[in-house]
Amino acid sequence: MQSGQVERVNINADRSKALVTTQNGDQVTVNLPQDPELISTLTSNDVEIAISNQVEGNVFIEDFLYSTLPLLIFILVLAGSLVGVAFWIWTIVDCAKNESSEGSNKLVWILIILFTGWIGALIYFFARRPQRIEELGR
């Protein structure tokens, strides 16, 4: 922006950013320098100044991306982990209660589930459990 092209400056409450409106209507969000003479310079050039609680524009999106989105991702990962652990425990209990005690199938499947985590639990759930239900009816 050239000198004399700024029509209005809307400064946020913490004075770190501003929405600058040019005389042709373009709007740009800028980071403000820590210049104590900034307001004096703007008023001496007949620039309309407003200080608001929030800078207009994409500040909501920026605030969301930098503060809320990481928290949301953390909560989703935590919830997914809790569901995975619950499923893992459920398959261990299901195997221990319902697998036949004859032979070493029960012990082998419990060890597989224990040492391979949720991947072993998925293998048990989709491969062995339907076969066990068909064979033993439980």
C-alpha atoms as a PDB file:
ATOM      1  CA  MET A   1       0.000   0.000   0.000  1.00  0.00           C
ATOM      2  CA  GLN A   2       1.256   3.394  -0.891  1.00  0.00           C
ATOM      3  CA  SER A   3       1.165   6.455   1.328  1.00  0.00           C
ATOM      4  CA  GLY A   4      -2.274   8.069   1.345  1.00  0.00           C
ATOM      5  CA  GLN A   5      -4.051   4.876   0.220  1.00  0.00           C
ATOM      6  CA  VAL A   6      -5.287   3.777   3.666  1.00  0.00           C
ATOM      7  CA  GLU A   7      -8.844   4.826   4.484  1.00  0.00           C
ATOM      8  CA  ARG A   8      -9.559   2.955   7.715  1.00  0.00           C
ATOM      9  CA  VAL A   9      -7.706   0.857  10.301  1.00  0.00           C
ATOM     10  CA  ASN A  10      -9.573  -1.414  12.710  1.00  0.00           C
ATOM     11  CA  ILE A  11      -7.183  -2.437  15.510  1.00  0.00           C
ATOM     12  CA  ASN A  12      -7.914  -5.425  17.758  1.00  0.00           C
ATOM     13  CA  ALA A  13      -7.998  -5.019  21.536  1.00  0.00           C
ATOM     14  CA  ASP A  14      -4.494  -6.346  22.207  1.00  0.00           C
ATOM     15  CA  ARG A  15      -3.115  -4.105  19.437  1.00  0.00           C
ATOM     16  CA  SER A  16      -1.264  -6.957  17.746  1.00  0.00           C
ATOM     17  CA  LYS A  17      -3.276  -7.073  14.481  1.00  0.00           C
ATOM     18  CA  ALA A  18      -5.333  -4.689  12.419  1.00  0.00           C
ATOM     19  CA  LEU A  19      -7.707  -4.849   9.493  1.00  0.00           C
ATOM     20  CA  VAL A  20      -6.597  -2.184   7.011  1.00  0.00           C
ATOM     21  CA  THR A  21      -9.112  -0.905   4.443  1.00  0.00           C
ATOM     22  CA  THR A  22      -7.732   0.947   1.440  1.00  0.00           C
ATOM     23  CA  GLN A  23      -9.531   3.721  -0.434  1.00  0.00           C
ATOM     24  CA  ASN A  24     -10.486   1.279  -3.212  1.00  0.00           C
ATOM     25  CA  GLY A  25     -12.119  -1.094  -0.655  1.00  0.00           C
ATOM     26  CA  ASP A  26      -9.438  -3.799  -0.412  1.00  0.00           C
ATOM     27  CA  GLN A  27      -8.969  -5.243   3.080  1.00  0.00           C
ATOM     28  CA  VAL A  28      -5.753  -6.678   4.486  1.00  0.00           C
ATOM     29  CA  THR A  29      -5.022  -8.096   7.945  1.00  0.00           C
ATOM     30  CA  VAL A  30      -1.599  -6.966   9.173  1.00  0.00           C
ATOM     31  CA  ASN A  31       0.547  -7.580  12.226  1.00  0.00           C
ATOM     32  CA  LEU A  32       1.136  -4.267  13.955  1.00  0.00           C
ATOM     33  CA  PRO A  33       4.586  -3.083  14.908  1.00  0.00           C
ATOM     34  CA  GLN A  34       5.207  -2.024  18.494  1.00  0.00           C
ATOM     35  CA  ASP A  35       5.319   1.633  17.429  1.00  0.00           C
ATOM     36  CA  PRO A  36       4.103   4.141  20.050  1.00  0.00           C
ATOM     37  CA  GLU A  37       3.732   6.797  17.312  1.00  0.00           C
ATOM     38  CA  LEU A  38       1.516   4.629  15.061  1.00  0.00           C
ATOM     39  CA  ILE A  39      -1.817   6.166  16.087  1.00  0.00           C
ATOM     40  CA  SER A  40      -0.436   9.708  15.820  1.00  0.00           C
ATOM     41  CA  THR A  41       0.893   8.952  12.337  1.00  0.00           C
ATOM     42  CA  LEU A  42      -2.439   7.496  11.209  1.00  0.00           C
ATOM     43  CA  THR A  43      -4.535  10.398  12.560  1.00  0.00           C
ATOM     44  CA  SER A  44      -2.207  13.003  11.064  1.00  0.00           C
ATOM     45  CA  ASN A  45      -2.859  11.354   7.671  1.00  0.00           C
ATOM     46  CA  ASP A  46      -6.665  11.496   8.149  1.00  0.00           C
ATOM     47  CA  VAL A  47      -7.004   7.725   8.579  1.00  0.00           C
ATOM     48  CA  GLU A  48     -10.146   6.571  10.419  1.00  0.00           C
ATOM     49  CA  ILE A  49      -9.104   4.430  13.413  1.00  0.00           C
ATOM     50  CA  ALA A  50     -11.229   2.007  15.417  1.00  0.00           C
ATOM     51  CA  ILE A  51     -10.190  -0.315  18.234  1.00  0.00           C
ATOM     52  CA  SER A  52     -12.380  -3.381  18.607  1.00  0.00           C
ATOM     53  CA  ASN A  53     -12.535  -6.627  20.529  1.00  0.00           C
ATOM     54  CA  GLN A  54     -11.865  -8.650  17.391  1.00  0.00           C
ATOM     55  CA  VAL A  55     -10.297  -7.934  14.022  1.00  0.00           C
ATOM     56  CA  GLU A  56     -12.675  -8.685  11.176  1.00  0.00           C
ATOM     57  CA  GLY A  57     -11.738 -11.150   8.494  1.00  0.00           C
ATOM     58  CA  ASN A  58     -10.308 -14.622   8.971  1.00  0.00           C
ATOM     59  CA  VAL A  59      -9.280 -14.223  12.605  1.00  0.00           C
ATOM     60  CA  PHE A  60     -11.923 -16.742  13.714  1.00  0.00           C
ATOM     61  CA  ILE A  61     -10.452 -19.342  11.384  1.00  0.00           C
ATOM     62  CA  GLU A  62      -6.917 -18.555  12.582  1.00  0.00           C
ATOM     63  CA  ASP A  63      -7.986 -18.760  16.229  1.00  0.00           C
ATOM     64  CA  PHE A  64      -9.742 -22.073  15.539  1.00  0.00           C
ATOM     65  CA  LEU A  65      -6.740 -23.536  13.726  1.00  0.00           C
ATOM     66  CA  TYR A  66      -4.235 -22.506  16.380  1.00  0.00           C
ATOM     67  CA  SER A  67      -6.204 -23.133  19.575  1.00  0.00           C
ATOM     68  CA  THR A  68      -9.291 -25.299  19.114  1.00  0.00           C
ATOM     69  CA  LEU A  69      -8.217 -27.674  16.345  1.00  0.00           C
ATOM     70  CA  PRO A  70      -5.216 -29.160  18.217  1.00  0.00           C
ATOM     71  CA  LEU A  71      -7.440 -29.710  21.263  1.00  0.00           C
ATOM     72  CA  LEU A  72     -10.084 -31.380  19.101  1.00  0.00           C
ATOM     73  CA  ILE A  73      -7.474 -33.650  17.499  1.00  0.00           C
ATOM     74  CA  PHE A  74      -6.107 -34.550  20.951  1.00  0.00           C
ATOM     75  CA  ILE A  75      -9.611 -35.436  22.208  1.00  0.00           C
ATOM     76  CA  LEU A  76     -10.332 -37.577  19.132  1.00  0.00           C
ATOM     77  CA  VAL A  77      -7.018 -39.418  19.441  1.00  0.00           C
ATOM     78  CA  LEU A  78      -7.626 -39.978  23.152  1.00  0.00           C
ATOM     79  CA  ALA A  79     -11.166 -41.246  22.510  1.00  0.00           C
ATOM     80  CA  GLY A  80      -9.898 -43.543  19.753  1.00  0.00           C
ATOM     81  CA  SER A  81      -7.220 -44.877  22.084  1.00  0.00           C
ATOM     82  CA  LEU A  82      -9.756 -45.543  24.823  1.00  0.00           C
ATOM     83  CA  VAL A  83     -12.043 -47.367  22.388  1.00  0.00           C
ATOM     84  CA  GLY A  84      -9.061 -49.401  21.129  1.00  0.00           C
ATOM     85  CA  VAL A  85      -8.035 -50.378  24.678  1.00  0.00           C
ATOM     86  CA  ALA A  86     -11.631 -51.289  25.573  1.00  0.00           C
ATOM     87  CA  PHE A  87     -11.907 -53.456  22.436  1.00  0.00           C
ATOM     88  CA  TRP A  88      -8.533 -55.089  23.213  1.00  0.00           C
ATOM     89  CA  ILE A  89      -9.622 -55.925  26.790  1.00  0.00           C
ATOM     90  CA  TRP A  90     -13.004 -57.193  25.584  1.00  0.00           C
ATOM     91  CA  THR A  91     -11.368 -59.602  23.117  1.00  0.00           C
ATOM     92  CA  ILE A  92      -9.033 -60.945  25.836  1.00  0.00           C
ATOM     93  CA  VAL A  93     -12.027 -61.568  28.124  1.00  0.00           C
ATOM     94  CA  ASP A  94     -14.076 -63.054  25.266  1.00  0.00           C
ATOM     95  CA  CYS A  95     -11.236 -65.394  24.344  1.00  0.00           C
ATOM     96  CA  ALA A  96     -10.588 -66.413  27.970  1.00  0.00           C
ATOM     97  CA  LYS A  97     -14.272 -67.121  28.667  1.00  0.00           C
ATOM     98  CA  ASN A  98     -15.391 -68.722  25.421  1.00  0.00           C
ATOM     99  CA  GLU A  99     -12.448 -70.513  23.793  1.00  0.00           C
ATOM    100  CA  SER A 100     -12.245 -74.235  24.360  1.00  0.00           C
ATOM    101  CA  SER A 101      -9.874 -75.320  27.119  1.00  0.00           C
ATOM    102  CA  GLU A 102      -8.878 -78.372  25.092  1.00  0.00           C
ATOM    103  CA  GLY A 103      -5.494 -78.030  23.429  1.00  0.00           C
ATOM    104  CA  SER A 104      -3.590 -74.768  23.493  1.00  0.00           C
ATOM    105  CA  ASN A 105      -5.865 -72.588  21.348  1.00  0.00           C
ATOM    106  CA  LYS A 106      -7.022 -70.458  24.272  1.00  0.00           C
ATOM    107  CA  LEU A 107      -3.482 -69.784  25.522  1.00  0.00           C
ATOM    108  CA  VAL A 108      -2.129 -69.090  22.021  1.00  0.00           C
ATOM    109  CA  TRP A 109      -4.921 -66.644  21.172  1.00  0.00           C
ATOM    110  CA  ILE A 110      -4.614 -64.829  24.510  1.00  0.00           C
ATOM    111  CA  LEU A 111      -0.860 -64.449  23.953  1.00  0.00           C
ATOM    112  CA  ILE A 112      -1.423 -63.226  20.393  1.00  0.00           C
ATOM    113  CA  ILE A 113      -3.946 -60.640  21.583  1.00  0.00           C
ATOM    114  CA  LEU A 114      -1.770 -59.561  24.522  1.00  0.00           C
ATOM    115  CA  PHE A 115       1.455 -59.106  22.560  1.00  0.00           C
ATOM    116  CA  THR A 116       0.067 -57.660  19.319  1.00  0.00           C
ATOM    117  CA  GLY A 117      -2.427 -55.245  20.874  1.00  0.00           C
ATOM    118  CA  TRP A 118      -5.414 -54.077  18.900  1.00  0.00           C
ATOM    119  CA  ILE A 119      -4.105 -55.683  15.687  1.00  0.00           C
ATOM    120  CA  GLY A 120      -4.182 -59.113  17.359  1.00  0.00           C
ATOM    121  CA  ALA A 121      -7.624 -58.260  18.751  1.00  0.00           C
ATOM    122  CA  LEU A 122      -8.864 -57.465  15.231  1.00  0.00           C
ATOM    123  CA  ILE A 123      -7.384 -60.690  13.856  1.00  0.00           C
ATOM    124  CA  TYR A 124      -9.053 -62.668  16.643  1.00  0.00           C
ATOM    125  CA  PHE A 125     -12.375 -60.848  16.193  1.00  0.00           C
ATOM    126  CA  PHE A 126     -12.583 -61.314  12.417  1.00  0.00           C
ATOM    127  CA  ALA A 127     -10.731 -64.617  11.931  1.00  0.00           C
ATOM    128  CA  ARG A 128     -11.024 -66.825  15.005  1.00  0.00           C
ATOM    129  CA  ARG A 129     -14.205 -65.640  16.760  1.00  0.00           C
ATOM    130  CA  PRO A 130     -16.618 -66.442  13.861  1.00  0.00           C
ATOM    131  CA  GLN A 131     -14.953 -69.850  13.485  1.00  0.00           C
ATOM    132  CA  ARG A 132     -15.258 -70.513  17.240  1.00  0.00           C
ATOM    133  CA  ILE A 133     -18.938 -69.497  17.246  1.00  0.00           C
ATOM    134  CA  GLU A 134     -19.579 -71.846  14.328  1.00  0.00           C
ATOM    135  CA  GLU A 135     -17.731 -74.733  16.008  1.00  0.00           C
ATOM    136  CA  LEU A 136     -18.760 -74.278  19.632  1.00  0.00           C
ATOM    137  CA  GLY A 137     -21.905 -72.171  19.342  1.00  0.00           C
ATOM    138  CA  ARG A 138     -20.592 -69.582  21.799  1.00  0.00           C
END
